[in-house]
Amino acid sequence: MSAEIIVQSGISAGTRYWIERPVIRIGSDPQADVCLPSSRIAPHALTVEFRDGNYRVHARDRSASVQVNGQLVEPGSAKPFAEPRLSA
């Protein structure tokens, strides 16, 4: 289940995080599992979930799209991904 998140842009570019739990929360909130300090990122921007052998990224921010592995995740939607790489 372990996967790596590599932040591709912004102040945290190049930072790596290991996903070692089935659900993690990503956002600008200091309480998020992966905190990305940016005013451009919602406090709870994404949830990454591992289920049935696959990762799924849920865009929680209803006002902004996020790129994961070069694919756009529209506000309020979810997409499957092999291993997430974030562009904030």
Protein backbone atom coordinates (compact mmCIF):
# COMPACT_ATOMS: atom_id res chain seq x y z
CA MET A 1 0.00 0.00 0.00
CA SER A 2 2.90 2.41 0.54
CA ALA A 3 3.23 5.14 -2.09
CA GLU A 4 5.10 8.40 -2.35
CA ILE A 5 3.73 11.89 -2.92
CA ILE A 6 6.18 14.33 -4.51
CA VAL A 7 5.14 17.98 -4.56
CA GLN A 8 5.94 19.39 -8.01
CA SER A 9 5.42 23.14 -7.57
CA GLY A 10 5.00 25.91 -5.03
CA ILE A 11 6.93 26.55 -1.84
CA SER A 12 7.01 22.81 -1.03
CA ALA A 13 8.32 21.71 -4.46
CA GLY A 14 10.53 18.64 -4.18
CA THR A 15 9.15 17.62 -0.80
CA ARG A 16 8.37 13.90 -0.54
CA TYR A 17 5.75 12.27 1.66
CA TRP A 18 5.13 8.56 2.11
CA ILE A 19 1.53 7.38 2.23
CA GLU A 20 1.40 4.59 4.77
CA ARG A 21 -2.26 4.74 5.82
CA PRO A 22 -5.40 3.95 3.80
CA VAL A 23 -6.69 7.55 3.94
CA ILE A 24 -4.75 10.82 4.19
CA ARG A 25 -5.84 14.44 4.05
CA ILE A 26 -3.84 17.03 2.08
CA GLY A 27 -4.22 20.79 2.34
CA SER A 28 -2.95 24.03 3.84
CA ASP A 29 -4.37 23.27 7.30
CA PRO A 30 -1.50 22.56 9.74
CA GLN A 31 -3.57 19.60 11.02
CA ALA A 32 -3.61 17.95 7.55
CA ASP A 33 -1.61 14.74 7.16
CA VAL A 34 0.31 16.49 4.36
CA CYS A 35 0.41 20.25 4.99
CA LEU A 36 1.22 22.41 1.97
CA PRO A 37 1.64 25.98 3.26
CA SER A 38 0.08 28.10 0.53
CA SER A 39 -2.77 30.57 0.37
CA ARG A 40 -3.64 29.02 -3.02
CA ILE A 41 -4.47 25.65 -1.44
CA ALA A 42 -7.65 24.98 0.54
CA PRO A 43 -7.33 23.82 4.14
CA HIS A 44 -8.64 20.40 3.00
CA ALA A 45 -7.86 20.30 -0.72
CA LEU A 46 -7.53 16.54 -1.32
CA THR A 47 -8.14 13.18 0.24
CA VAL A 48 -6.04 10.25 -1.00
CA GLU A 49 -7.64 6.89 -0.36
CA PHE A 50 -6.28 3.37 -0.90
CA ARG A 51 -9.04 0.84 -1.49
CA ASP A 52 -9.20 -2.51 -3.30
CA GLY A 53 -5.55 -2.23 -4.37
CA ASN A 54 -5.91 1.21 -5.96
CA TYR A 55 -5.40 4.85 -5.01
CA ARG A 56 -8.17 7.37 -5.50
CA VAL A 57 -7.77 11.14 -5.19
CA HIS A 58 -10.81 13.14 -4.10
CA ALA A 59 -10.75 16.92 -4.77
CA ARG A 60 -12.44 18.43 -1.70
CA ASP A 61 -12.05 22.10 -2.62
CA ARG A 62 -15.20 23.10 -4.52
CA SER A 63 -13.60 26.21 -6.03
CA ALA A 64 -10.29 25.06 -7.55
CA SER A 65 -8.94 22.27 -9.73
CA VAL A 66 -5.79 20.38 -8.77
CA GLN A 67 -3.31 18.58 -10.99
CA VAL A 68 -2.25 15.09 -9.91
CA ASN A 69 0.18 13.17 -12.15
CA GLY A 70 -0.45 15.80 -14.82
CA GLN A 71 -4.19 15.09 -14.86
CA LEU A 72 -6.71 17.69 -13.81
CA VAL A 73 -8.99 16.73 -10.93
CA GLU A 74 -12.05 18.96 -11.12
CA PRO A 75 -13.53 20.48 -7.96
CA GLY A 76 -15.64 17.98 -6.04
CA SER A 77 -14.62 15.00 -8.20
CA ALA A 78 -12.47 11.90 -7.72
CA LYS A 79 -10.03 10.04 -9.98
CA PRO A 80 -7.99 6.85 -9.71
CA PHE A 81 -4.20 7.18 -9.76
CA ALA A 82 -1.27 4.77 -9.64
CA GLU A 83 0.91 6.99 -7.41
CA PRO A 84 -0.01 10.62 -6.79
CA ARG A 85 2.35 13.50 -7.70
CA LEU A 86 0.88 16.86 -6.75
CA SER A 87 1.08 20.21 -8.51
CA ALA A 88 -0.21 22.97 -6.29
